[in-house]
Amino acid sequence: MACEPNAIVTRIAKLGAVEARMLANEEPHEAIAAIHARRCALLTELLADHGAQLGLDAPTIAFASEPKHK
């Protein structure tokens, strides 16, 4: 899959808009935890889709995509 920088930037910008709404409408601690989970999910997806283009091998991508905490 070709790396589409504009699509990645758009997804990050949309995530930022969601985060702003969450911070305005939720308890800060809950919003921060939810924002962290969303950012981790997006990073995992981007690594899976574009990690090879960044020069990462499959085991590195798999390791980086694993949840590190619960």
N, C-alpha and C. Protein backbone atom coordinates (compact mmCIF):
# COMPACT_ATOMS: atom_id res chain seq x y z
N MET A 1 0.84 -1.16 0.00
CA MET A 1 0.00 0.00 0.00
C MET A 1 0.90 1.23 0.00
N ALA A 2 0.61 2.16 -0.86
CA ALA A 2 1.40 3.38 -0.94
C ALA A 2 1.09 4.28 0.25
N CYS A 3 2.13 4.93 0.73
CA CYS A 3 1.95 5.84 1.85
C CYS A 3 1.30 7.12 1.34
N GLU A 4 0.19 7.48 1.93
CA GLU A 4 -0.54 8.67 1.51
C GLU A 4 -0.47 9.69 2.64
N PRO A 5 0.52 10.58 2.59
CA PRO A 5 0.70 11.52 3.70
C PRO A 5 -0.53 12.36 3.99
N ASN A 6 -1.25 12.79 2.97
CA ASN A 6 -2.43 13.61 3.21
C ASN A 6 -3.50 12.84 3.97
N ALA A 7 -3.67 11.57 3.65
CA ALA A 7 -4.66 10.75 4.35
C ALA A 7 -4.26 10.57 5.81
N ILE A 8 -2.98 10.38 6.06
CA ILE A 8 -2.51 10.22 7.44
C ILE A 8 -2.72 11.52 8.21
N VAL A 9 -2.36 12.63 7.63
CA VAL A 9 -2.53 13.93 8.29
C VAL A 9 -4.00 14.20 8.57
N THR A 10 -4.86 13.86 7.62
CA THR A 10 -6.29 14.05 7.81
C THR A 10 -6.81 13.22 8.98
N ARG A 11 -6.36 11.97 9.07
CA ARG A 11 -6.80 11.11 10.17
C ARG A 11 -6.32 11.64 11.51
N ILE A 12 -5.10 12.14 11.56
CA ILE A 12 -4.59 12.70 12.81
C ILE A 12 -5.35 13.96 13.18
N ALA A 13 -5.66 14.79 12.20
CA ALA A 13 -6.43 16.01 12.46
C ALA A 13 -7.83 15.68 12.97
N LYS A 14 -8.47 14.67 12.38
CA LYS A 14 -9.80 14.26 12.85
C LYS A 14 -9.71 13.74 14.29
N LEU A 15 -8.66 13.00 14.58
CA LEU A 15 -8.48 12.51 15.94
C LEU A 15 -8.33 13.69 16.90
N GLY A 16 -7.62 14.71 16.49
CA GLY A 16 -7.47 15.90 17.32
C GLY A 16 -8.80 16.58 17.60
N ALA A 17 -9.67 16.63 16.62
CA ALA A 17 -10.99 17.23 16.80
C ALA A 17 -11.82 16.41 17.77
N VAL A 18 -11.73 15.09 17.65
CA VAL A 18 -12.45 14.20 18.58
C VAL A 18 -11.91 14.41 19.99
N GLU A 19 -10.61 14.51 20.12
CA GLU A 19 -10.00 14.71 21.44
C GLU A 19 -10.48 16.00 22.09
N ALA A 20 -10.56 17.06 21.31
CA ALA A 20 -11.02 18.35 21.85
C ALA A 20 -12.45 18.24 22.38
N ARG A 21 -13.31 17.54 21.64
CA ARG A 21 -14.70 17.35 22.10
C ARG A 21 -14.74 16.50 23.36
N MET A 22 -13.90 15.47 23.41
CA MET A 22 -13.87 14.60 24.58
C MET A 22 -13.44 15.39 25.82
N LEU A 23 -12.43 16.22 25.68
CA LEU A 23 -11.95 17.00 26.83
C LEU A 23 -13.01 17.99 27.30
N ALA A 24 -13.81 18.50 26.37
CA ALA A 24 -14.84 19.47 26.73
C ALA A 24 -16.04 18.80 27.40
N ASN A 25 -16.30 17.55 27.06
CA ASN A 25 -17.55 16.91 27.49
C ASN A 25 -17.40 15.81 28.53
N GLU A 26 -16.20 15.42 28.88
CA GLU A 26 -16.01 14.31 29.81
C GLU A 26 -15.14 14.74 30.98
N GLU A 27 -15.12 13.89 31.97
CA GLU A 27 -14.21 14.11 33.10
C GLU A 27 -12.78 14.03 32.56
N PRO A 28 -11.90 14.90 33.01
CA PRO A 28 -10.54 14.93 32.46
C PRO A 28 -9.81 13.58 32.49
N HIS A 29 -9.88 12.87 33.61
CA HIS A 29 -9.17 11.60 33.71
C HIS A 29 -9.70 10.59 32.69
N GLU A 30 -11.01 10.50 32.56
CA GLU A 30 -11.61 9.57 31.60
C GLU A 30 -11.28 9.98 30.17
N ALA A 31 -11.33 11.27 29.89
CA ALA A 31 -11.02 11.76 28.54
C ALA A 31 -9.58 11.45 28.18
N ILE A 32 -8.67 11.68 29.10
CA ILE A 32 -7.25 11.43 28.83
C ILE A 32 -7.00 9.95 28.56
N ALA A 33 -7.63 9.07 29.34
CA ALA A 33 -7.47 7.63 29.11
C ALA A 33 -8.03 7.22 27.75
N ALA A 34 -9.18 7.77 27.39
CA ALA A 34 -9.77 7.45 26.09
C ALA A 34 -8.93 7.99 24.94
N ILE A 35 -8.40 9.18 25.11
CA ILE A 35 -7.54 9.79 24.08
C ILE A 35 -6.29 8.93 23.89
N HIS A 36 -5.70 8.50 24.98
CA HIS A 36 -4.50 7.66 24.90
C HIS A 36 -4.81 6.37 24.13
N ALA A 37 -5.93 5.75 24.43
CA ALA A 37 -6.31 4.51 23.74
C ALA A 37 -6.52 4.76 22.25
N ARG A 38 -7.16 5.86 21.89
CA ARG A 38 -7.38 6.18 20.47
C ARG A 38 -6.05 6.42 19.75
N ARG A 39 -5.14 7.13 20.41
CA ARG A 39 -3.84 7.40 19.78
C ARG A 39 -3.06 6.11 19.59
N CYS A 40 -3.09 5.23 20.56
CA CYS A 40 -2.40 3.94 20.43
C CYS A 40 -2.99 3.12 19.29
N ALA A 41 -4.30 3.12 19.18
CA ALA A 41 -4.96 2.38 18.10
C ALA A 41 -4.58 2.94 16.74
N LEU A 42 -4.55 4.26 16.61
CA LEU A 42 -4.17 4.87 15.34
C LEU A 42 -2.71 4.55 15.00
N LEU A 43 -1.83 4.65 15.97
CA LEU A 43 -0.42 4.34 15.73
C LEU A 43 -0.24 2.89 15.31
N THR A 44 -0.95 1.99 15.96
CA THR A 44 -0.88 0.57 15.62
C THR A 44 -1.33 0.36 14.19
N GLU A 45 -2.42 1.00 13.80
CA GLU A 45 -2.93 0.86 12.44
C GLU A 45 -1.95 1.44 11.42
N LEU A 46 -1.38 2.60 11.72
CA LEU A 46 -0.42 3.21 10.81
C LEU A 46 0.83 2.35 10.67
N LEU A 47 1.30 1.77 11.77
CA LEU A 47 2.45 0.87 11.71
C LEU A 47 2.15 -0.34 10.84
N ALA A 48 0.98 -0.91 11.01
CA ALA A 48 0.60 -2.08 10.21
C ALA A 48 0.53 -1.73 8.73
N ASP A 49 -0.01 -0.55 8.43
CA ASP A 49 -0.19 -0.16 7.03
C ASP A 49 1.08 0.36 6.37
N HIS A 50 1.94 1.03 7.13
CA HIS A 50 3.06 1.75 6.52
C HIS A 50 4.42 1.44 7.13
N GLY A 51 4.48 0.52 8.09
CA GLY A 51 5.74 0.22 8.75
C GLY A 51 6.83 -0.25 7.80
N ALA A 52 6.45 -1.09 6.84
CA ALA A 52 7.44 -1.59 5.88
C ALA A 52 8.04 -0.46 5.06
N GLN A 53 7.23 0.53 4.74
CA GLN A 53 7.74 1.68 3.98
C GLN A 53 8.72 2.51 4.79
N LEU A 54 8.63 2.37 6.10
CA LEU A 54 9.56 3.08 6.97
C LEU A 54 10.82 2.27 7.23
N GLY A 55 10.89 1.08 6.62
CA GLY A 55 12.07 0.24 6.76
C GLY A 55 11.99 -0.73 7.93
N LEU A 56 10.81 -0.88 8.52
CA LEU A 56 10.66 -1.80 9.64
C LEU A 56 10.35 -3.19 9.11
N ASP A 57 10.96 -4.20 9.74
CA ASP A 57 10.66 -5.58 9.33
C ASP A 57 9.42 -6.08 10.06
N ALA A 58 8.87 -7.20 9.61
CA ALA A 58 7.61 -7.72 10.16
C ALA A 58 7.67 -7.96 11.68
N PRO A 59 8.73 -8.57 12.24
CA PRO A 59 8.76 -8.77 13.70
C PRO A 59 8.76 -7.45 14.48
N THR A 60 9.43 -6.45 13.96
CA THR A 60 9.45 -5.14 14.63
C THR A 60 8.08 -4.51 14.60
N ILE A 61 7.40 -4.59 13.47
CA ILE A 61 6.06 -4.04 13.35
C ILE A 61 5.11 -4.78 14.30
N ALA A 62 5.21 -6.09 14.35
CA ALA A 62 4.36 -6.88 15.24
C ALA A 62 4.60 -6.50 16.70
N PHE A 63 5.87 -6.37 17.09
CA PHE A 63 6.19 -6.00 18.46
C PHE A 63 5.66 -4.60 18.78
N ALA A 64 5.85 -3.66 17.88
CA ALA A 64 5.42 -2.29 18.12
C ALA A 64 3.89 -2.18 18.16
N SER A 65 3.22 -3.11 17.51
CA SER A 65 1.76 -3.07 17.46
C SER A 65 1.09 -3.76 18.64
N GLU A 66 1.86 -4.48 19.44
CA GLU A 66 1.28 -5.18 20.60
C GLU A 66 0.94 -4.18 21.70
N PRO A 67 -0.21 -4.39 22.36
CA PRO A 67 -0.52 -3.52 23.50
C PRO A 67 0.54 -3.71 24.59
N LYS A 68 0.99 -2.63 25.17
CA LYS A 68 2.03 -2.70 26.19
C LYS A 68 1.48 -2.61 27.61
N HIS A 69 0.21 -2.22 27.75
CA HIS A 69 -0.39 -2.10 29.06
C HIS A 69 -1.88 -2.38 28.95
N LYS A 70 -2.48 -2.56 30.09
CA LYS A 70 -3.92 -2.87 30.11
C LYS A 70 -4.68 -1.76 30.76
